């Protein structure tokens, strides 16, 4: 069984072959993901599936589509909460929203939306700030299961007190209970919140830009990528954003070492919110 902290040379080869097999057979590309993170996730997957090696796991996923579907739950991290890092959402509300108000229509891309917690946070914030009717949200993720969960908008009721506390700390202008119905241990969020939302499968590793947007929020996604894939994703964000548009990253993420850093200016550095400047992306990348 693979040790998630120490890897033998043959395990590195097995990992490369497994990721190549997933790409060639299922067209999901994890080859640019952080090796350390993948090892930890696959160690848990091996235990779950009772596989003694990554080679055995590869054999199963190539012959058992249902096993691959389950494996996706290990390869894609779907851990989040509503209004996670409340100060980030307060900064959006107080500093970014006044700029977004100047646009007659607004498009927001939530890249790596996971199970939808960040989307509902932004949808509620935009409703409270009076921007909902002129905003379209694009929620994308590599995981079909996560997208289905996000579109359903159903969460365990035991998580709601934490969501409520975060919403209040983010500067919420209403009660979070205004936006969901509780029943049978679950909270179902109002379907009107997703009335102007597109849920779509999209891989930051292989897909291209699909729309011009004023805000990209992609938090705690880049930390699972290696440097090359981080640059690819940041290049997509830069291409998608209008000049003067905003990019929000996670607390442990940064543009500092990216080849596209010159295309952005710090806006709220403490909350990892950046603003797209007027520099041409190609020129920035070539100069890096």
C-alpha atoms as a PDB file:
ATOM      1  CA  UNK A   1       0.000   0.000   0.000  1.00  0.00           C
ATOM      2  CA  UNK A   2       1.304   3.434  -0.930  1.00  0.00           C
ATOM      3  CA  UNK A   3       2.630   5.637   1.888  1.00  0.00           C
ATOM      4  CA  UNK A   4       1.219   9.143   1.351  1.00  0.00           C
ATOM      5  CA  UNK A   5       4.373  10.777   2.697  1.00  0.00           C
ATOM      6  CA  UNK A   6       7.202   8.705   1.138  1.00  0.00           C
ATOM      7  CA  UNK A   7       7.182   7.400  -2.411  1.00  0.00           C
ATOM      8  CA  UNK A   8       9.294   4.735  -4.026  1.00  0.00           C
ATOM      9  CA  UNK A   9      10.530   5.281  -7.600  1.00  0.00           C
ATOM     10  CA  UNK A  10       8.227   2.580  -8.940  1.00  0.00           C
ATOM     11  CA  UNK A  11       5.264   4.327  -7.294  1.00  0.00           C
ATOM     12  CA  UNK A  12       6.103   7.502  -9.189  1.00  0.00           C
ATOM     13  CA  UNK A  13       6.030   5.509 -12.422  1.00  0.00           C
ATOM     14  CA  UNK A  14       2.721   3.904 -11.451  1.00  0.00           C
ATOM     15  CA  UNK A  15       1.251   7.316 -10.698  1.00  0.00           C
ATOM     16  CA  UNK A  16       2.323   8.682 -14.080  1.00  0.00           C
ATOM     17  CA  UNK A  17       0.797   5.672 -15.849  1.00  0.00           C
ATOM     18  CA  UNK A  18      -2.442   5.943 -13.868  1.00  0.00           C
ATOM     19  CA  UNK A  19      -2.873   9.633 -14.708  1.00  0.00           C
ATOM     20  CA  UNK A  20      -2.085   8.971 -18.364  1.00  0.00           C
ATOM     21  CA  UNK A  21      -4.651   6.164 -18.424  1.00  0.00           C
ATOM     22  CA  UNK A  22      -7.311   8.436 -16.913  1.00  0.00           C
ATOM     23  CA  UNK A  23      -6.561  11.106 -19.511  1.00  0.00           C
ATOM     24  CA  UNK A  24      -6.578   8.757 -22.482  1.00  0.00           C
ATOM     25  CA  UNK A  25      -9.606   6.703 -21.420  1.00  0.00           C
ATOM     26  CA  UNK A  26     -11.835   9.268 -19.694  1.00  0.00           C
ATOM     27  CA  UNK A  27     -10.438  12.626 -20.936  1.00  0.00           C
ATOM     28  CA  UNK A  28      -9.930  13.991 -17.426  1.00  0.00           C
ATOM     29  CA  UNK A  29      -6.467  15.493 -17.108  1.00  0.00           C
ATOM     30  CA  UNK A  30      -4.878  15.364 -13.643  1.00  0.00           C
ATOM     31  CA  UNK A  31      -1.304  15.241 -14.946  1.00  0.00           C
ATOM     32  CA  UNK A  32      -0.625  18.830 -13.892  1.00  0.00           C
ATOM     33  CA  UNK A  33      -1.938  18.426 -10.365  1.00  0.00           C
ATOM     34  CA  UNK A  34       0.359  18.575  -7.339  1.00  0.00           C
ATOM     35  CA  UNK A  35       2.063  15.203  -6.960  1.00  0.00           C
ATOM     36  CA  UNK A  36       2.043  15.323  -3.169  1.00  0.00           C
ATOM     37  CA  UNK A  37      -1.673  16.067  -3.058  1.00  0.00           C
ATOM     38  CA  UNK A  38      -2.436  13.289  -5.555  1.00  0.00           C
ATOM     39  CA  UNK A  39      -0.424  10.759  -3.555  1.00  0.00           C
ATOM     40  CA  UNK A  40      -2.371  11.571  -0.404  1.00  0.00           C
ATOM     41  CA  UNK A  41      -5.731  11.308  -2.142  1.00  0.00           C
ATOM     42  CA  UNK A  42      -4.845   8.116  -3.967  1.00  0.00           C
ATOM     43  CA  UNK A  43      -3.583   6.523  -0.753  1.00  0.00           C
ATOM     44  CA  UNK A  44      -7.072   6.975   0.684  1.00  0.00           C
ATOM     45  CA  UNK A  45      -8.617   5.690  -2.557  1.00  0.00           C
ATOM     46  CA  UNK A  46      -6.471   2.551  -2.456  1.00  0.00           C
ATOM     47  CA  UNK A  47      -7.671   1.810   1.052  1.00  0.00           C
ATOM     48  CA  UNK A  48     -11.277   2.361   0.014  1.00  0.00           C
ATOM     49  CA  UNK A  49     -11.059   0.108  -3.037  1.00  0.00           C
ATOM     50  CA  UNK A  50      -8.807  -2.500  -1.402  1.00  0.00           C
ATOM     51  CA  UNK A  51      -6.045  -2.095  -3.983  1.00  0.00           C
ATOM     52  CA  UNK A  52      -2.487  -3.002  -3.048  1.00  0.00           C
ATOM     53  CA  UNK A  53      -0.931  -0.803  -5.734  1.00  0.00           C
ATOM     54  CA  UNK A  54      -1.709   2.038  -8.114  1.00  0.00           C
ATOM     55  CA  UNK A  55      -1.307  -0.457 -10.943  1.00  0.00           C
ATOM     56  CA  UNK A  56      -4.164  -2.508  -9.508  1.00  0.00           C
ATOM     57  CA  UNK A  57      -6.252   0.646  -9.171  1.00  0.00           C
ATOM     58  CA  UNK A  58      -5.475   1.518 -12.809  1.00  0.00           C
ATOM     59  CA  UNK A  59      -6.577  -1.953 -13.915  1.00  0.00           C
ATOM     60  CA  UNK A  60      -9.906  -1.531 -12.138  1.00  0.00           C
ATOM     61  CA  UNK A  61     -10.772   1.955 -13.347  1.00  0.00           C
ATOM     62  CA  UNK A  62     -10.060   0.988 -16.966  1.00  0.00           C
ATOM     63  CA  UNK A  63     -12.495  -1.923 -16.728  1.00  0.00           C
ATOM     64  CA  UNK A  64     -15.010  -0.631 -14.209  1.00  0.00           C
ATOM     65  CA  UNK A  65     -16.482   2.786 -15.088  1.00  0.00           C
ATOM     66  CA  UNK A  66     -18.345   2.845 -11.772  1.00  0.00           C
ATOM     67  CA  UNK A  67     -15.012   2.579  -9.949  1.00  0.00           C
ATOM     68  CA  UNK A  68     -13.679   5.568 -11.864  1.00  0.00           C
ATOM     69  CA  UNK A  69     -16.800   7.563 -10.989  1.00  0.00           C
ATOM     70  CA  UNK A  70     -16.126   6.841  -7.315  1.00  0.00           C
ATOM     71  CA  UNK A  71     -12.437   7.640  -7.734  1.00  0.00           C
ATOM     72  CA  UNK A  72     -13.340  11.130  -8.975  1.00  0.00           C
ATOM     73  CA  UNK A  73     -14.561  11.861  -5.466  1.00  0.00           C
ATOM     74  CA  UNK A  74     -10.994  11.356  -4.250  1.00  0.00           C
ATOM     75  CA  UNK A  75      -9.258  13.186  -7.098  1.00  0.00           C
ATOM     76  CA  UNK A  76     -11.398  16.314  -6.832  1.00  0.00           C
ATOM     77  CA  UNK A  77     -11.564  18.160  -3.511  1.00  0.00           C
ATOM     78  CA  UNK A  78     -15.095  19.368  -2.731  1.00  0.00           C
ATOM     79  CA  UNK A  79     -14.556  20.740   0.770  1.00  0.00           C
ATOM     80  CA  UNK A  80     -15.951  24.233   1.274  1.00  0.00           C
ATOM     81  CA  UNK A  81     -18.537  26.199   3.206  1.00  0.00           C
ATOM     82  CA  UNK A  82     -20.752  29.171   2.535  1.00  0.00           C
ATOM     83  CA  UNK A  83     -19.109  32.563   2.995  1.00  0.00           C
ATOM     84  CA  UNK A  84     -15.839  30.803   3.797  1.00  0.00           C
ATOM     85  CA  UNK A  85     -13.298  33.421   4.917  1.00  0.00           C
ATOM     86  CA  UNK A  86     -15.973  36.072   5.618  1.00  0.00           C
ATOM     87  CA  UNK A  87     -13.525  38.959   5.246  1.00  0.00           C
ATOM     88  CA  UNK A  88     -13.097  38.019   1.581  1.00  0.00           C
ATOM     89  CA  UNK A  89     -16.830  38.386   0.988  1.00  0.00           C
ATOM     90  CA  UNK A  90     -16.937  41.595   3.009  1.00  0.00           C
ATOM     91  CA  UNK A  91     -14.175  42.988   0.771  1.00  0.00           C
ATOM     92  CA  UNK A  92     -16.171  41.987  -2.313  1.00  0.00           C
ATOM     93  CA  UNK A  93     -19.262  43.649  -0.864  1.00  0.00           C
ATOM     94  CA  UNK A  94     -17.585  46.871   0.217  1.00  0.00           C
ATOM     95  CA  UNK A  95     -14.780  47.335  -2.323  1.00  0.00           C
ATOM     96  CA  UNK A  96     -15.586  45.373  -5.498  1.00  0.00           C
ATOM     97  CA  UNK A  97     -19.367  45.715  -5.740  1.00  0.00           C
ATOM     98  CA  UNK A  98     -19.225  49.542  -6.127  1.00  0.00           C
ATOM     99  CA  UNK A  99     -17.152  49.011  -9.284  1.00  0.00           C
ATOM    100  CA  UNK A 100     -19.443  46.255 -10.570  1.00  0.00           C
ATOM    101  CA  UNK A 101     -22.419  48.607 -10.202  1.00  0.00           C
ATOM    102  CA  UNK A 102     -21.001  50.675 -13.076  1.00  0.00           C
ATOM    103  CA  UNK A 103     -21.626  47.837 -15.572  1.00  0.00           C
ATOM    104  CA  UNK A 104     -25.064  47.540 -17.220  1.00  0.00           C
ATOM    105  CA  UNK A 105     -24.675  43.764 -17.143  1.00  0.00           C
ATOM    106  CA  UNK A 106     -22.322  41.563 -15.131  1.00  0.00           C
ATOM    107  CA  UNK A 107     -20.870  38.105 -15.671  1.00  0.00           C
ATOM    108  CA  UNK A 108     -19.228  36.141 -12.861  1.00  0.00           C
ATOM    109  CA  UNK A 109     -17.170  32.979 -13.333  1.00  0.00           C
ATOM    110  CA  UNK A 110     -16.851  30.678 -10.317  1.00  0.00           C
ATOM    111  CA  UNK A 111     -14.084  28.347 -11.463  1.00  0.00           C
ATOM    112  CA  UNK A 112     -13.965  25.142  -9.443  1.00  0.00           C
ATOM    113  CA  UNK A 113     -17.375  25.667  -7.857  1.00  0.00           C
ATOM    114  CA  UNK A 114     -17.244  22.298  -6.024  1.00  0.00           C
ATOM    115  CA  UNK A 115     -20.592  21.544  -4.379  1.00  0.00           C
ATOM    116  CA  UNK A 116     -21.848  25.098  -4.826  1.00  0.00           C
ATOM    117  CA  UNK A 117     -21.246  26.745  -1.475  1.00  0.00           C
ATOM    118  CA  UNK A 118     -19.289  29.632  -2.975  1.00  0.00           C
ATOM    119  CA  UNK A 119     -21.848  30.128  -5.724  1.00  0.00           C
ATOM    120  CA  UNK A 120     -24.752  30.453  -3.267  1.00  0.00           C
ATOM    121  CA  UNK A 121     -22.635  32.816  -1.171  1.00  0.00           C
ATOM    122  CA  UNK A 122     -22.100  35.087  -4.166  1.00  0.00           C
ATOM    123  CA  UNK A 123     -25.698  34.761  -5.379  1.00  0.00           C
ATOM    124  CA  UNK A 124     -26.967  35.846  -1.953  1.00  0.00           C
ATOM    125  CA  UNK A 125     -24.439  38.693  -1.766  1.00  0.00           C
ATOM    126  CA  UNK A 126     -25.423  39.949  -5.225  1.00  0.00           C
ATOM    127  CA  UNK A 127     -29.121  39.770  -4.317  1.00  0.00           C
ATOM    128  CA  UNK A 128     -28.508  41.741  -1.130  1.00  0.00           C
ATOM    129  CA  UNK A 129     -26.560  44.354  -3.098  1.00  0.00           C
ATOM    130  CA  UNK A 130     -29.217  44.688  -5.799  1.00  0.00           C
ATOM    131  CA  UNK A 131     -27.095  43.244  -8.615  1.00  0.00           C
ATOM    132  CA  UNK A 132     -28.848  39.905  -9.083  1.00  0.00           C
ATOM    133  CA  UNK A 133     -31.141  40.928 -11.953  1.00  0.00           C
ATOM    134  CA  UNK A 134     -28.266  42.011 -14.189  1.00  0.00           C
ATOM    135  CA  UNK A 135     -25.818  39.224 -13.332  1.00  0.00           C
ATOM    136  CA  UNK A 136     -25.165  35.873 -14.971  1.00  0.00           C
ATOM    137  CA  UNK A 137     -23.152  33.331 -13.002  1.00  0.00           C
ATOM    138  CA  UNK A 138     -21.044  30.661 -14.679  1.00  0.00           C
ATOM    139  CA  UNK A 139     -20.351  27.799 -12.259  1.00  0.00           C
ATOM    140  CA  UNK A 140     -17.798  25.323 -13.562  1.00  0.00           C
ATOM    141  CA  UNK A 141     -16.090  22.263 -12.200  1.00  0.00           C
ATOM    142  CA  UNK A 142     -14.359  19.159 -13.516  1.00  0.00           C
ATOM    143  CA  UNK A 143     -16.613  16.866 -11.455  1.00  0.00           C
ATOM    144  CA  UNK A 144     -20.107  16.058 -12.789  1.00  0.00           C
ATOM    145  CA  UNK A 145     -21.165  14.897  -9.318  1.00  0.00           C
ATOM    146  CA  UNK A 146     -20.109  18.215  -7.783  1.00  0.00           C
ATOM    147  CA  UNK A 147     -21.992  20.169 -10.435  1.00  0.00           C
ATOM    148  CA  UNK A 148     -25.139  18.146  -9.761  1.00  0.00           C
ATOM    149  CA  UNK A 149     -24.813  18.877  -6.043  1.00  0.00           C
ATOM    150  CA  UNK A 150     -24.256  22.565  -6.722  1.00  0.00           C
ATOM    151  CA  UNK A 151     -27.312  22.779  -8.950  1.00  0.00           C
ATOM    152  CA  UNK A 152     -29.462  20.973  -6.370  1.00  0.00           C
ATOM    153  CA  UNK A 153     -28.462  23.383  -3.589  1.00  0.00           C
ATOM    154  CA  UNK A 154     -29.135  20.910  -0.770  1.00  0.00           C
ATOM    155  CA  UNK A 155     -26.884  20.834   2.310  1.00  0.00           C
ATOM    156  CA  UNK A 156     -26.918  19.113   5.683  1.00  0.00           C
ATOM    157  CA  UNK A 157     -28.813  21.162   8.247  1.00  0.00           C
ATOM    158  CA  UNK A 158     -26.011  20.719  10.782  1.00  0.00           C
ATOM    159  CA  UNK A 159     -23.788  22.904   8.570  1.00  0.00           C
ATOM    160  CA  UNK A 160     -26.209  25.838   8.561  1.00  0.00           C
ATOM    161  CA  UNK A 161     -25.134  27.451  11.883  1.00  0.00           C
ATOM    162  CA  UNK A 162     -21.601  27.792  10.519  1.00  0.00           C
ATOM    163  CA  UNK A 163     -22.908  29.176   7.226  1.00  0.00           C
ATOM    164  CA  UNK A 164     -25.093  31.626   9.152  1.00  0.00           C
ATOM    165  CA  UNK A 165     -22.208  32.847  11.281  1.00  0.00           C
ATOM    166  CA  UNK A 166     -20.030  33.358   8.199  1.00  0.00           C
ATOM    167  CA  UNK A 167     -22.820  35.231   6.405  1.00  0.00           C
ATOM    168  CA  UNK A 168     -23.256  37.584   9.338  1.00  0.00           C
ATOM    169  CA  UNK A 169     -19.507  38.251   9.573  1.00  0.00           C
ATOM    170  CA  UNK A 170     -19.348  38.932   5.833  1.00  0.00           C
ATOM    171  CA  UNK A 171     -21.690  41.898   6.242  1.00  0.00           C
ATOM    172  CA  UNK A 172     -24.902  40.106   5.308  1.00  0.00           C
ATOM    173  CA  UNK A 173     -27.877  42.449   5.065  1.00  0.00           C
ATOM    174  CA  UNK A 174     -30.523  39.848   5.895  1.00  0.00           C
ATOM    175  CA  UNK A 175     -30.944  36.515   7.631  1.00  0.00           C
ATOM    176  CA  UNK A 176     -29.522  33.495   5.861  1.00  0.00           C
ATOM    177  CA  UNK A 177     -32.741  31.671   6.746  1.00  0.00           C
ATOM    178  CA  UNK A 178     -34.501  33.881   4.191  1.00  0.00           C
ATOM    179  CA  UNK A 179     -32.806  31.875   1.452  1.00  0.00           C
ATOM    180  CA  UNK A 180     -33.483  28.239   2.363  1.00  0.00           C
ATOM    181  CA  UNK A 181     -36.163  25.837   3.543  1.00  0.00           C
ATOM    182  CA  UNK A 182     -35.318  23.281   6.222  1.00  0.00           C
ATOM    183  CA  UNK A 183     -36.790  19.783   6.237  1.00  0.00           C
ATOM    184  CA  UNK A 184     -35.696  16.254   7.134  1.00  0.00           C
ATOM    185  CA  UNK A 185     -32.235  17.292   8.264  1.00  0.00           C
ATOM    186  CA  UNK A 186     -31.486  19.198   5.058  1.00  0.00           C
ATOM    187  CA  UNK A 187     -31.508  22.818   3.970  1.00  0.00           C
ATOM    188  CA  UNK A 188     -32.732  23.423   0.424  1.00  0.00           C
ATOM    189  CA  UNK A 189     -31.676  26.775  -0.991  1.00  0.00           C
ATOM    190  CA  UNK A 190     -34.175  28.823  -2.959  1.00  0.00           C
ATOM    191  CA  UNK A 191     -34.057  27.824  -6.617  1.00  0.00           C
ATOM    192  CA  UNK A 192     -34.548  31.471  -7.616  1.00  0.00           C
ATOM    193  CA  UNK A 193     -30.921  32.036  -6.557  1.00  0.00           C
ATOM    194  CA  UNK A 194     -29.811  29.993  -9.559  1.00  0.00           C
ATOM    195  CA  UNK A 195     -32.309  31.376 -12.055  1.00  0.00           C
ATOM    196  CA  UNK A 196     -29.551  33.233 -13.936  1.00  0.00           C
ATOM    197  CA  UNK A 197     -26.860  30.586 -13.567  1.00  0.00           C
ATOM    198  CA  UNK A 198     -25.109  28.252 -15.994  1.00  0.00           C
ATOM    199  CA  UNK A 199     -23.625  25.062 -14.516  1.00  0.00           C
ATOM    200  CA  UNK A 200     -21.064  23.529 -16.862  1.00  0.00           C
ATOM    201  CA  UNK A 201     -18.243  20.989 -16.888  1.00  0.00           C
ATOM    202  CA  UNK A 202     -14.930  22.762 -17.480  1.00  0.00           C
ATOM    203  CA  UNK A 203     -11.338  21.700 -16.889  1.00  0.00           C
ATOM    204  CA  UNK A 204      -8.725  24.338 -16.195  1.00  0.00           C
ATOM    205  CA  UNK A 205      -6.179  21.791 -17.432  1.00  0.00           C
ATOM    206  CA  UNK A 206      -7.601  21.287 -20.925  1.00  0.00           C
ATOM    207  CA  UNK A 207     -10.467  23.684 -21.746  1.00  0.00           C
ATOM    208  CA  UNK A 208     -10.370  27.262 -22.977  1.00  0.00           C
ATOM    209  CA  UNK A 209     -12.053  30.570 -22.126  1.00  0.00           C
ATOM    210  CA  UNK A 210     -15.784  30.610 -22.867  1.00  0.00           C
ATOM    211  CA  UNK A 211     -16.977  34.092 -21.871  1.00  0.00           C
ATOM    212  CA  UNK A 212     -15.869  37.626 -21.020  1.00  0.00           C
ATOM    213  CA  UNK A 213     -16.533  38.334 -17.335  1.00  0.00           C
ATOM    214  CA  UNK A 214     -16.151  41.096 -14.755  1.00  0.00           C
ATOM    215  CA  UNK A 215     -15.323  38.817 -11.810  1.00  0.00           C
ATOM    216  CA  UNK A 216     -13.545  35.477 -11.508  1.00  0.00           C
ATOM    217  CA  UNK A 217     -13.698  33.807  -8.111  1.00  0.00           C
ATOM    218  CA  UNK A 218     -11.525  30.686  -7.954  1.00  0.00           C
ATOM    219  CA  UNK A 219     -10.568  30.015  -4.384  1.00  0.00           C
ATOM    220  CA  UNK A 220      -8.495  27.102  -3.082  1.00  0.00           C
ATOM    221  CA  UNK A 221      -8.205  25.527  -6.524  1.00  0.00           C
ATOM    222  CA  UNK A 222      -4.691  26.554  -7.577  1.00  0.00           C
ATOM    223  CA  UNK A 223      -3.147  25.036  -4.443  1.00  0.00           C
ATOM    224  CA  UNK A 224      -3.804  21.584  -5.928  1.00  0.00           C
ATOM    225  CA  UNK A 225      -1.996  22.380  -9.210  1.00  0.00           C
ATOM    226  CA  UNK A 226       1.682  22.308 -10.093  1.00  0.00           C
ATOM    227  CA  UNK A 227       3.338  25.519 -11.283  1.00  0.00           C
ATOM    228  CA  UNK A 228       2.679  24.977 -14.996  1.00  0.00           C
ATOM    229  CA  UNK A 229      -1.011  24.251 -14.470  1.00  0.00           C
ATOM    230  CA  UNK A 230      -1.329  27.223 -12.123  1.00  0.00           C
ATOM    231  CA  UNK A 231       0.026  29.431 -14.908  1.00  0.00           C
ATOM    232  CA  UNK A 232      -2.371  27.923 -17.421  1.00  0.00           C
ATOM    233  CA  UNK A 233      -5.341  28.589 -15.140  1.00  0.00           C
ATOM    234  CA  UNK A 234      -4.235  32.152 -14.397  1.00  0.00           C
ATOM    235  CA  UNK A 235      -3.801  32.737 -18.122  1.00  0.00           C
ATOM    236  CA  UNK A 236      -7.403  31.625 -18.668  1.00  0.00           C
ATOM    237  CA  UNK A 237      -8.613  33.934 -15.921  1.00  0.00           C
ATOM    238  CA  UNK A 238      -6.706  36.833 -17.453  1.00  0.00           C
ATOM    239  CA  UNK A 239      -8.108  36.132 -20.923  1.00  0.00           C
ATOM    240  CA  UNK A 240     -11.629  35.910 -19.546  1.00  0.00           C
ATOM    241  CA  UNK A 241     -11.562  39.105 -17.498  1.00  0.00           C
ATOM    242  CA  UNK A 242     -12.422  42.477 -18.984  1.00  0.00           C
ATOM    243  CA  UNK A 243      -9.818  45.172 -18.439  1.00  0.00           C
ATOM    244  CA  UNK A 244     -10.485  46.388 -14.913  1.00  0.00           C
ATOM    245  CA  UNK A 245     -12.168  43.096 -13.947  1.00  0.00           C
ATOM    246  CA  UNK A 246     -11.499  41.367 -10.648  1.00  0.00           C
ATOM    247  CA  UNK A 247      -9.899  38.058  -9.664  1.00  0.00           C
ATOM    248  CA  UNK A 248     -10.397  36.500  -6.230  1.00  0.00           C
ATOM    249  CA  UNK A 249      -8.100  33.702  -5.036  1.00  0.00           C
ATOM    250  CA  UNK A 250      -7.864  31.632  -1.858  1.00  0.00           C
ATOM    251  CA  UNK A 251      -6.031  32.696   1.271  1.00  0.00           C
ATOM    252  CA  UNK A 252      -3.006  30.491   0.516  1.00  0.00           C
ATOM    253  CA  UNK A 253      -2.807  31.373  -3.172  1.00  0.00           C
ATOM    254  CA  UNK A 254      -0.859  34.130  -4.879  1.00  0.00           C
ATOM    255  CA  UNK A 255      -0.001  35.617  -8.263  1.00  0.00           C
ATOM    256  CA  UNK A 256       3.478  36.543  -7.121  1.00  0.00           C
ATOM    257  CA  UNK A 257       5.408  33.806  -8.924  1.00  0.00           C
ATOM    258  CA  UNK A 258       3.155  33.461 -11.953  1.00  0.00           C
ATOM    259  CA  UNK A 259       4.251  34.430 -15.455  1.00  0.00           C
ATOM    260  CA  UNK A 260       0.960  36.389 -15.614  1.00  0.00           C
ATOM    261  CA  UNK A 261       1.548  38.407 -12.447  1.00  0.00           C
ATOM    262  CA  UNK A 262       2.222  41.523 -14.533  1.00  0.00           C
ATOM    263  CA  UNK A 263      -1.313  41.411 -15.943  1.00  0.00           C
ATOM    264  CA  UNK A 264      -2.834  42.088 -12.523  1.00  0.00           C
ATOM    265  CA  UNK A 265      -2.575  44.733  -9.838  1.00  0.00           C
ATOM    266  CA  UNK A 266      -3.163  44.219  -6.134  1.00  0.00           C
ATOM    267  CA  UNK A 267      -6.620  45.469  -5.197  1.00  0.00           C
ATOM    268  CA  UNK A 268      -7.211  44.032  -1.729  1.00  0.00           C
ATOM    269  CA  UNK A 269      -3.977  42.147  -1.155  1.00  0.00           C
ATOM    270  CA  UNK A 270      -4.932  40.901   2.292  1.00  0.00           C
ATOM    271  CA  UNK A 271      -7.966  39.138   0.837  1.00  0.00           C
ATOM    272  CA  UNK A 272      -6.207  38.027  -2.383  1.00  0.00           C
ATOM    273  CA  UNK A 273      -8.341  40.157  -4.681  1.00  0.00           C
ATOM    274  CA  UNK A 274      -6.602  41.408  -7.817  1.00  0.00           C
ATOM    275  CA  UNK A 275      -7.593  43.672 -10.682  1.00  0.00           C
ATOM    276  CA  UNK A 276      -6.889  43.014 -14.362  1.00  0.00           C
ATOM    277  CA  UNK A 277      -4.839  45.826 -15.843  1.00  0.00           C
ATOM    278  CA  UNK A 278      -4.431  46.923 -19.466  1.00  0.00           C
ATOM    279  CA  UNK A 279      -1.246  44.959 -20.187  1.00  0.00           C
ATOM    280  CA  UNK A 280      -1.469  42.449 -23.024  1.00  0.00           C
ATOM    281  CA  UNK A 281      -1.342  38.881 -21.675  1.00  0.00           C
ATOM    282  CA  UNK A 282       0.894  37.623 -24.469  1.00  0.00           C
ATOM    283  CA  UNK A 283       3.452  40.343 -23.848  1.00  0.00           C
ATOM    284  CA  UNK A 284       3.443  39.604 -20.122  1.00  0.00           C
ATOM    285  CA  UNK A 285       3.898  35.862 -20.674  1.00  0.00           C
ATOM    286  CA  UNK A 286       6.703  36.375 -23.217  1.00  0.00           C
ATOM    287  CA  UNK A 287       8.547  38.706 -20.877  1.00  0.00           C
ATOM    288  CA  UNK A 288       8.355  36.305 -17.917  1.00  0.00           C
END
